Amino acid sequence: MIKALRVDHRLLHGQVAFSWTQAIGADCILLCSDSLVNDTLRLQTIKLAKPSGIKVVAKSVEGSLKAIKSGQTDKYKLFIICEDIQSAAKVARELKIKAINLGGTYPTKDKREISKSVFVNDADVALLKELVNEGIHVFCQQVPANSAEDIKTLIK
């Protein structure tokens, strides 16, 4: 059972590992990232933030989709974390997930901040608009205690 889909360029850190995992009742965190699975040192470092009693798995985007579609993850209350908006969009579309939480995206020169720690460029905005038009609820929310901000109010 998929409990939530989040975009966070940091993948696993305190906010995600503890507050979000507890708030949504997840028992497994799936780090869905093409770059992470090929970076052993980064993966080992990220897994240091693993909360006790929570399984953490890292897979590529395609590997994640394959594992979920095969039923391999059915026994878990799954929290999926993608590194970027494009990966989350692919996961949401293929798995028919109806909500994406934008928690943090990597800032670059061509991106503007639309919410705390959420940076987008024109291509991201276009993709976010497509997702909204497809009926996917996209919102920004750092931690469960914060109010969610609907993406429709943040992008024009």
N, C-alpha and C. Protein backbone atom coordinates (compact mmCIF):
# COMPACT_ATOMS: atom_id res chain seq x y z
N MET A 1 0.83 -1.17 0.00
CA MET A 1 0.00 0.00 0.00
C MET A 1 0.89 1.25 0.00
N ILE A 2 0.65 2.11 -0.95
CA ILE A 2 1.42 3.35 -1.05
C ILE A 2 0.77 4.39 -0.16
N LYS A 3 1.53 4.88 0.82
CA LYS A 3 1.02 5.87 1.76
C LYS A 3 1.22 7.30 1.25
N ALA A 4 2.36 7.55 0.58
CA ALA A 4 2.63 8.91 0.09
C ALA A 4 3.75 8.88 -0.94
N LEU A 5 3.73 9.91 -1.79
CA LEU A 5 4.78 10.14 -2.78
C LEU A 5 5.30 11.55 -2.55
N ARG A 6 6.58 11.68 -2.34
CA ARG A 6 7.20 12.98 -2.02
C ARG A 6 8.38 13.24 -2.93
N VAL A 7 8.58 14.50 -3.26
CA VAL A 7 9.79 14.94 -3.96
C VAL A 7 10.67 15.63 -2.93
N ASP A 8 11.88 15.14 -2.79
CA ASP A 8 12.84 15.76 -1.88
C ASP A 8 14.24 15.45 -2.40
N HIS A 9 14.94 16.46 -2.86
CA HIS A 9 16.26 16.22 -3.45
C HIS A 9 17.26 15.65 -2.44
N ARG A 10 16.99 15.79 -1.16
CA ARG A 10 17.87 15.23 -0.14
C ARG A 10 17.53 13.77 0.16
N LEU A 11 16.40 13.32 -0.34
CA LEU A 11 15.89 11.95 -0.17
C LEU A 11 15.58 11.62 1.29
N LEU A 12 16.53 11.14 2.05
CA LEU A 12 16.26 10.72 3.42
C LEU A 12 17.04 11.59 4.39
N HIS A 13 16.32 12.28 5.25
CA HIS A 13 16.91 13.13 6.29
C HIS A 13 15.92 13.22 7.43
N GLY A 14 16.20 13.97 8.45
CA GLY A 14 15.39 14.01 9.66
C GLY A 14 13.91 14.21 9.45
N GLN A 15 13.53 15.25 8.68
CA GLN A 15 12.11 15.53 8.44
C GLN A 15 11.40 14.32 7.85
N VAL A 16 12.02 13.74 6.86
CA VAL A 16 11.41 12.60 6.17
C VAL A 16 11.45 11.36 7.06
N ALA A 17 12.62 11.09 7.58
CA ALA A 17 12.81 9.85 8.32
C ALA A 17 11.93 9.75 9.55
N PHE A 18 11.69 10.84 10.20
CA PHE A 18 10.95 10.76 11.46
C PHE A 18 9.55 11.36 11.38
N SER A 19 9.44 12.65 11.08
CA SER A 19 8.11 13.27 11.14
C SER A 19 7.16 12.73 10.08
N TRP A 20 7.60 12.64 8.83
CA TRP A 20 6.70 12.16 7.77
C TRP A 20 6.40 10.68 7.92
N THR A 21 7.39 9.89 8.20
CA THR A 21 7.18 8.45 8.31
C THR A 21 6.16 8.14 9.41
N GLN A 22 6.29 8.82 10.54
CA GLN A 22 5.33 8.61 11.63
C GLN A 22 3.95 9.13 11.26
N ALA A 23 3.90 10.32 10.67
CA ALA A 23 2.61 10.95 10.35
C ALA A 23 1.77 10.13 9.39
N ILE A 24 2.43 9.48 8.42
CA ILE A 24 1.66 8.72 7.43
C ILE A 24 1.57 7.23 7.77
N GLY A 25 2.29 6.81 8.79
CA GLY A 25 2.24 5.41 9.21
C GLY A 25 2.98 4.46 8.29
N ALA A 26 4.08 4.93 7.71
CA ALA A 26 4.87 4.08 6.80
C ALA A 26 5.79 3.15 7.58
N ASP A 27 6.03 1.96 7.00
CA ASP A 27 7.01 1.05 7.60
C ASP A 27 8.15 0.73 6.62
N CYS A 28 8.08 1.34 5.43
CA CYS A 28 9.13 1.16 4.42
C CYS A 28 9.27 2.43 3.61
N ILE A 29 10.50 2.89 3.44
CA ILE A 29 10.79 4.06 2.62
C ILE A 29 11.49 3.58 1.36
N LEU A 30 10.91 3.91 0.22
CA LEU A 30 11.52 3.57 -1.07
C LEU A 30 12.15 4.83 -1.65
N LEU A 31 13.48 4.84 -1.72
CA LEU A 31 14.21 5.95 -2.31
C LEU A 31 14.31 5.68 -3.80
N CYS A 32 13.56 6.42 -4.57
CA CYS A 32 13.40 6.20 -6.00
C CYS A 32 14.30 7.19 -6.74
N SER A 33 15.52 6.74 -7.09
CA SER A 33 16.50 7.67 -7.65
C SER A 33 17.50 6.93 -8.54
N ASP A 34 17.58 7.37 -9.77
CA ASP A 34 18.56 6.77 -10.69
C ASP A 34 19.99 7.07 -10.26
N SER A 35 20.24 8.25 -9.73
CA SER A 35 21.61 8.61 -9.37
C SER A 35 22.07 7.94 -8.07
N LEU A 36 21.16 7.76 -7.13
CA LEU A 36 21.54 7.19 -5.83
C LEU A 36 21.98 5.73 -5.94
N VAL A 37 21.30 4.95 -6.76
CA VAL A 37 21.62 3.52 -6.82
C VAL A 37 23.02 3.25 -7.36
N ASN A 38 23.61 4.22 -8.03
CA ASN A 38 24.96 4.06 -8.57
C ASN A 38 26.02 4.77 -7.74
N ASP A 39 25.64 5.28 -6.56
CA ASP A 39 26.56 6.03 -5.71
C ASP A 39 26.59 5.38 -4.33
N THR A 40 27.46 4.40 -4.18
CA THR A 40 27.53 3.59 -2.96
C THR A 40 27.78 4.44 -1.72
N LEU A 41 28.70 5.38 -1.80
CA LEU A 41 29.03 6.21 -0.64
C LEU A 41 27.83 7.06 -0.22
N ARG A 42 27.19 7.68 -1.18
CA ARG A 42 26.01 8.50 -0.88
C ARG A 42 24.89 7.64 -0.28
N LEU A 43 24.69 6.47 -0.83
CA LEU A 43 23.66 5.57 -0.33
C LEU A 43 23.94 5.18 1.13
N GLN A 44 25.18 4.83 1.43
CA GLN A 44 25.55 4.47 2.80
C GLN A 44 25.32 5.65 3.75
N THR A 45 25.67 6.84 3.31
CA THR A 45 25.49 8.05 4.12
C THR A 45 24.02 8.32 4.38
N ILE A 46 23.21 8.25 3.34
CA ILE A 46 21.78 8.51 3.47
C ILE A 46 21.12 7.50 4.40
N LYS A 47 21.53 6.25 4.30
CA LYS A 47 20.92 5.21 5.13
C LYS A 47 21.22 5.38 6.62
N LEU A 48 22.19 6.25 6.97
CA LEU A 48 22.46 6.54 8.38
C LEU A 48 21.28 7.25 9.03
N ALA A 49 20.44 7.89 8.23
CA ALA A 49 19.26 8.59 8.75
C ALA A 49 18.06 7.66 8.92
N LYS A 50 18.25 6.38 8.67
CA LYS A 50 17.15 5.42 8.73
C LYS A 50 16.60 5.31 10.15
N PRO A 51 15.29 5.51 10.27
CA PRO A 51 14.70 5.35 11.60
C PRO A 51 14.63 3.87 12.01
N SER A 52 14.71 3.63 13.28
CA SER A 52 14.62 2.28 13.81
C SER A 52 13.27 1.66 13.44
N GLY A 53 13.30 0.43 12.99
CA GLY A 53 12.07 -0.29 12.67
C GLY A 53 11.49 0.02 11.31
N ILE A 54 12.15 0.87 10.53
CA ILE A 54 11.68 1.23 9.19
C ILE A 54 12.65 0.65 8.16
N LYS A 55 12.11 -0.05 7.19
CA LYS A 55 12.93 -0.60 6.11
C LYS A 55 13.21 0.53 5.11
N VAL A 56 14.44 0.62 4.63
CA VAL A 56 14.80 1.60 3.61
C VAL A 56 15.39 0.86 2.42
N VAL A 57 14.83 1.12 1.25
CA VAL A 57 15.27 0.48 0.01
C VAL A 57 15.54 1.57 -1.02
N ALA A 58 16.61 1.42 -1.79
CA ALA A 58 16.91 2.36 -2.87
C ALA A 58 16.86 1.61 -4.19
N LYS A 59 16.12 2.18 -5.13
CA LYS A 59 16.02 1.59 -6.47
C LYS A 59 15.98 2.71 -7.50
N SER A 60 16.31 2.36 -8.73
CA SER A 60 16.14 3.30 -9.83
C SER A 60 14.65 3.55 -10.02
N VAL A 61 14.31 4.52 -10.82
CA VAL A 61 12.89 4.80 -11.09
C VAL A 61 12.24 3.57 -11.72
N GLU A 62 12.87 3.01 -12.74
CA GLU A 62 12.30 1.82 -13.40
C GLU A 62 12.27 0.63 -12.45
N GLY A 63 13.33 0.46 -11.65
CA GLY A 63 13.37 -0.62 -10.68
C GLY A 63 12.28 -0.49 -9.63
N SER A 64 12.01 0.74 -9.23
CA SER A 64 10.94 0.99 -8.26
C SER A 64 9.59 0.61 -8.85
N LEU A 65 9.34 1.07 -10.06
CA LEU A 65 8.06 0.76 -10.72
C LEU A 65 7.88 -0.74 -10.90
N LYS A 66 8.94 -1.41 -11.31
CA LYS A 66 8.88 -2.86 -11.51
C LYS A 66 8.58 -3.58 -10.19
N ALA A 67 9.26 -3.18 -9.11
CA ALA A 67 9.04 -3.83 -7.81
C ALA A 67 7.61 -3.63 -7.32
N ILE A 68 7.09 -2.43 -7.48
CA ILE A 68 5.73 -2.14 -7.02
C ILE A 68 4.70 -2.88 -7.87
N LYS A 69 4.86 -2.83 -9.19
CA LYS A 69 3.91 -3.51 -10.08
C LYS A 69 3.93 -5.02 -9.91
N SER A 70 5.06 -5.59 -9.51
CA SER A 70 5.17 -7.04 -9.35
C SER A 70 4.51 -7.53 -8.06
N GLY A 71 4.19 -6.60 -7.17
CA GLY A 71 3.60 -6.98 -5.89
C GLY A 71 4.63 -7.19 -4.79
N GLN A 72 5.89 -7.02 -5.13
CA GLN A 72 6.99 -7.22 -4.18
C GLN A 72 6.87 -6.31 -2.95
N THR A 73 6.23 -5.17 -3.10
CA THR A 73 6.12 -4.20 -2.00
C THR A 73 4.75 -4.23 -1.32
N ASP A 74 3.87 -5.12 -1.74
CA ASP A 74 2.49 -5.12 -1.23
C ASP A 74 2.39 -5.27 0.29
N LYS A 75 3.35 -5.92 0.90
CA LYS A 75 3.27 -6.16 2.34
C LYS A 75 3.66 -4.93 3.17
N TYR A 76 4.13 -3.88 2.50
CA TYR A 76 4.60 -2.69 3.20
C TYR A 76 3.62 -1.52 3.09
N LYS A 77 3.71 -0.63 4.07
CA LYS A 77 3.06 0.68 4.01
C LYS A 77 4.16 1.60 3.48
N LEU A 78 4.12 1.85 2.20
CA LEU A 78 5.24 2.40 1.45
C LEU A 78 5.21 3.93 1.34
N PHE A 79 6.33 4.52 1.64
CA PHE A 79 6.56 5.96 1.47
C PHE A 79 7.59 6.09 0.36
N ILE A 80 7.18 6.62 -0.78
CA ILE A 80 8.07 6.75 -1.94
C ILE A 80 8.64 8.17 -1.97
N ILE A 81 9.95 8.27 -2.06
CA ILE A 81 10.60 9.57 -2.14
C ILE A 81 11.42 9.62 -3.43
N CYS A 82 11.11 10.59 -4.28
CA CYS A 82 11.83 10.80 -5.53
C CYS A 82 12.72 12.03 -5.38
N GLU A 83 13.78 12.06 -6.15
CA GLU A 83 14.74 13.14 -6.07
C GLU A 83 14.31 14.38 -6.85
N ASP A 84 13.44 14.20 -7.82
CA ASP A 84 13.04 15.34 -8.65
C ASP A 84 11.60 15.20 -9.12
N ILE A 85 11.07 16.29 -9.63
CA ILE A 85 9.68 16.34 -10.07
C ILE A 85 9.42 15.39 -11.24
N GLN A 86 10.36 15.27 -12.16
CA GLN A 86 10.17 14.40 -13.32
C GLN A 86 10.01 12.94 -12.91
N SER A 87 10.83 12.49 -11.98
CA SER A 87 10.72 11.10 -11.51
C SER A 87 9.39 10.87 -10.80
N ALA A 88 8.99 11.82 -9.95
CA ALA A 88 7.72 11.70 -9.23
C ALA A 88 6.54 11.69 -10.20
N ALA A 89 6.61 12.50 -11.24
CA ALA A 89 5.54 12.53 -12.24
C ALA A 89 5.41 11.16 -12.92
N LYS A 90 6.55 10.57 -13.28
CA LYS A 90 6.52 9.26 -13.92
C LYS A 90 5.92 8.21 -12.98
N VAL A 91 6.33 8.23 -11.73
CA VAL A 91 5.81 7.28 -10.75
C VAL A 91 4.31 7.49 -10.54
N ALA A 92 3.90 8.73 -10.35
CA ALA A 92 2.48 9.03 -10.11
C ALA A 92 1.62 8.59 -11.30
N ARG A 93 2.09 8.88 -12.50
CA ARG A 93 1.32 8.53 -13.69
C ARG A 93 1.22 7.02 -13.87
N GLU A 94 2.33 6.32 -13.73
CA GLU A 94 2.32 4.87 -13.96
C GLU A 94 1.58 4.09 -12.88
N LEU A 95 1.61 4.61 -11.65
CA LEU A 95 0.98 3.90 -10.54
C LEU A 95 -0.37 4.50 -10.16
N LYS A 96 -0.78 5.51 -10.91
CA LYS A 96 -2.07 6.17 -10.67
C LYS A 96 -2.18 6.74 -9.25
N ILE A 97 -1.10 7.35 -8.80
CA ILE A 97 -1.07 8.01 -7.49
C ILE A 97 -1.68 9.40 -7.67
N LYS A 98 -2.54 9.78 -6.77
CA LYS A 98 -3.33 11.01 -6.92
C LYS A 98 -2.80 12.22 -6.17
N ALA A 99 -1.63 12.10 -5.51
CA ALA A 99 -1.08 13.25 -4.79
C ALA A 99 0.45 13.19 -4.77
N ILE A 100 1.06 14.35 -4.93
CA ILE A 100 2.51 14.48 -4.84
C ILE A 100 2.83 15.61 -3.88
N ASN A 101 3.64 15.31 -2.88
CA ASN A 101 4.10 16.30 -1.91
C ASN A 101 5.47 16.81 -2.37
N LEU A 102 5.55 18.10 -2.65
CA LEU A 102 6.83 18.71 -2.98
C LEU A 102 7.46 19.21 -1.68
N GLY A 103 8.53 18.54 -1.27
CA GLY A 103 9.18 18.90 -0.02
C GLY A 103 10.44 19.70 -0.23
N GLY A 104 11.12 19.48 -1.33
CA GLY A 104 12.35 20.22 -1.60
C GLY A 104 12.92 19.83 -2.94
N THR A 105 13.27 20.82 -3.72
CA THR A 105 13.92 20.57 -5.01
C THR A 105 15.21 21.37 -5.05
N TYR A 106 16.16 20.86 -5.77
CA TYR A 106 17.50 21.44 -5.80
C TYR A 106 17.49 22.81 -6.48
N PRO A 107 18.04 23.84 -5.83
CA PRO A 107 18.09 25.16 -6.45
C PRO A 107 19.22 25.25 -7.48
N THR A 108 18.91 25.82 -8.62
CA THR A 108 19.92 26.10 -9.65
C THR A 108 19.66 27.51 -10.17
N LYS A 109 20.58 28.02 -10.99
CA LYS A 109 20.47 29.39 -11.51
C LYS A 109 19.18 29.64 -12.29
N ASP A 110 18.70 28.61 -12.99
CA ASP A 110 17.51 28.79 -13.83
C ASP A 110 16.20 28.56 -13.08
N LYS A 111 16.28 28.32 -11.76
CA LYS A 111 15.06 28.03 -10.99
C LYS A 111 14.72 29.18 -10.04
N ARG A 112 13.42 29.31 -9.79
CA ARG A 112 12.94 30.30 -8.83
C ARG A 112 12.24 29.58 -7.68
N GLU A 113 12.28 30.18 -6.52
CA GLU A 113 11.66 29.57 -5.34
C GLU A 113 10.18 29.92 -5.32
N ILE A 114 9.33 28.88 -5.25
CA ILE A 114 7.88 29.11 -5.20
C ILE A 114 7.31 28.82 -3.81
N SER A 115 8.07 28.12 -3.00
CA SER A 115 7.70 27.81 -1.62
C SER A 115 9.01 27.48 -0.92
N LYS A 116 8.97 27.43 0.40
CA LYS A 116 10.20 27.16 1.12
C LYS A 116 10.86 25.87 0.61
N SER A 117 12.09 26.01 0.10
CA SER A 117 12.90 24.89 -0.39
C SER A 117 12.39 24.24 -1.67
N VAL A 118 11.41 24.82 -2.33
CA VAL A 118 10.91 24.28 -3.60
C VAL A 118 11.25 25.27 -4.71
N PHE A 119 12.14 24.83 -5.58
CA PHE A 119 12.63 25.64 -6.69
C PHE A 119 12.21 24.99 -8.00
N VAL A 120 11.72 25.80 -8.94
CA VAL A 120 11.25 25.28 -10.22
C VAL A 120 11.73 26.15 -11.37
N ASN A 121 11.86 25.53 -12.53
CA ASN A 121 12.12 26.28 -13.76
C ASN A 121 10.88 26.18 -14.64
N ASP A 122 10.94 26.73 -15.82
CA ASP A 122 9.76 26.74 -16.70
C ASP A 122 9.30 25.33 -17.07
N ALA A 123 10.25 24.43 -17.29
CA ALA A 123 9.88 23.05 -17.64
C ALA A 123 9.17 22.37 -16.47
N ASP A 124 9.64 22.63 -15.25
CA ASP A 124 8.98 22.07 -14.07
C ASP A 124 7.56 22.60 -13.94
N VAL A 125 7.39 23.90 -14.16
CA VAL A 125 6.06 24.52 -14.07
C VAL A 125 5.12 23.89 -15.09
N ALA A 126 5.60 23.71 -16.31
CA ALA A 126 4.77 23.09 -17.34
C ALA A 126 4.36 21.67 -16.93
N LEU A 127 5.30 20.90 -16.39
CA LEU A 127 5.00 19.54 -15.95
C LEU A 127 4.01 19.55 -14.78
N LEU A 128 4.20 20.44 -13.84
CA LEU A 128 3.29 20.54 -12.70
C LEU A 128 1.87 20.89 -13.16
N LYS A 129 1.76 21.77 -14.13
CA LYS A 129 0.44 22.12 -14.67
C LYS A 129 -0.20 20.91 -15.34
N GLU A 130 0.59 20.12 -16.07
CA GLU A 130 0.07 18.90 -16.69
C GLU A 130 -0.47 17.94 -15.62
N LEU A 131 0.30 17.76 -14.55
CA LEU A 131 -0.12 16.85 -13.48
C LEU A 131 -1.43 17.31 -12.85
N VAL A 132 -1.54 18.61 -12.60
CA VAL A 132 -2.78 19.16 -12.03
C VAL A 132 -3.94 18.92 -12.99
N ASN A 133 -3.71 19.16 -14.29
CA ASN A 133 -4.76 18.94 -15.29
C ASN A 133 -5.17 17.47 -15.40
N GLU A 134 -4.27 16.57 -15.02
CA GLU A 134 -4.57 15.14 -15.02
C GLU A 134 -5.27 14.70 -13.74
N GLY A 135 -5.51 15.64 -12.84
CA GLY A 135 -6.22 15.32 -11.61
C GLY A 135 -5.34 14.91 -10.44
N ILE A 136 -4.03 15.16 -10.56
CA ILE A 136 -3.11 14.84 -9.48
C ILE A 136 -2.97 16.06 -8.59
N HIS A 137 -3.20 15.88 -7.31
CA HIS A 137 -3.08 16.97 -6.33
C HIS A 137 -1.60 17.15 -6.01
N VAL A 138 -1.05 18.30 -6.37
CA VAL A 138 0.35 18.60 -6.09
C VAL A 138 0.37 19.72 -5.05
N PHE A 139 1.14 19.50 -4.00
CA PHE A 139 1.19 20.49 -2.93
C PHE A 139 2.58 20.56 -2.33
N CYS A 140 2.89 21.71 -1.74
CA CYS A 140 4.16 21.90 -1.04
C CYS A 140 3.88 21.82 0.46
N GLN A 141 4.69 21.03 1.15
CA GLN A 141 4.56 20.90 2.59
C GLN A 141 5.86 20.33 3.14
N GLN A 142 6.56 21.13 3.92
CA GLN A 142 7.84 20.71 4.49
C GLN A 142 7.68 19.59 5.51
N VAL A 143 6.84 19.83 6.51
CA VAL A 143 6.62 18.85 7.58
C VAL A 143 5.12 18.73 7.82
N PRO A 144 4.69 17.64 8.42
CA PRO A 144 3.26 17.44 8.64
C PRO A 144 2.60 18.57 9.44
N ALA A 145 3.33 19.22 10.34
CA ALA A 145 2.77 20.29 11.16
C ALA A 145 2.48 21.56 10.35
N ASN A 146 3.11 21.72 9.20
CA ASN A 146 2.86 22.88 8.34
C ASN A 146 1.60 22.68 7.53
N SER A 147 0.99 23.78 7.13
CA SER A 147 -0.15 23.70 6.22
C SER A 147 0.36 23.39 4.82
N ALA A 148 -0.40 22.61 4.10
CA ALA A 148 -0.07 22.31 2.71
C ALA A 148 -0.43 23.52 1.84
N GLU A 149 0.43 23.81 0.85
CA GLU A 149 0.16 24.87 -0.11
C GLU A 149 -0.11 24.23 -1.47
N ASP A 150 -1.30 24.45 -1.99
CA ASP A 150 -1.68 23.88 -3.28
C ASP A 150 -0.83 24.52 -4.38
N ILE A 151 -0.29 23.69 -5.25
CA ILE A 151 0.61 24.17 -6.30
C ILE A 151 -0.09 25.18 -7.22
N LYS A 152 -1.40 25.05 -7.36
CA LYS A 152 -2.13 25.97 -8.25
C LYS A 152 -2.03 27.42 -7.78
N THR A 153 -1.84 27.63 -6.50
CA THR A 153 -1.71 29.00 -5.98
C THR A 153 -0.28 29.51 -6.07
N LEU A 154 0.66 28.62 -6.34
CA LEU A 154 2.07 28.98 -6.34
C LEU A 154 2.67 29.19 -7.73
N ILE A 155 2.04 28.60 -8.74
CA ILE A 155 2.53 28.77 -10.11
C ILE A 155 1.44 29.42 -10.94
N LYS A 156 1.84 30.25 -11.82
CA LYS A 156 0.88 30.95 -12.68
C LYS A 156 1.12 30.58 -14.12
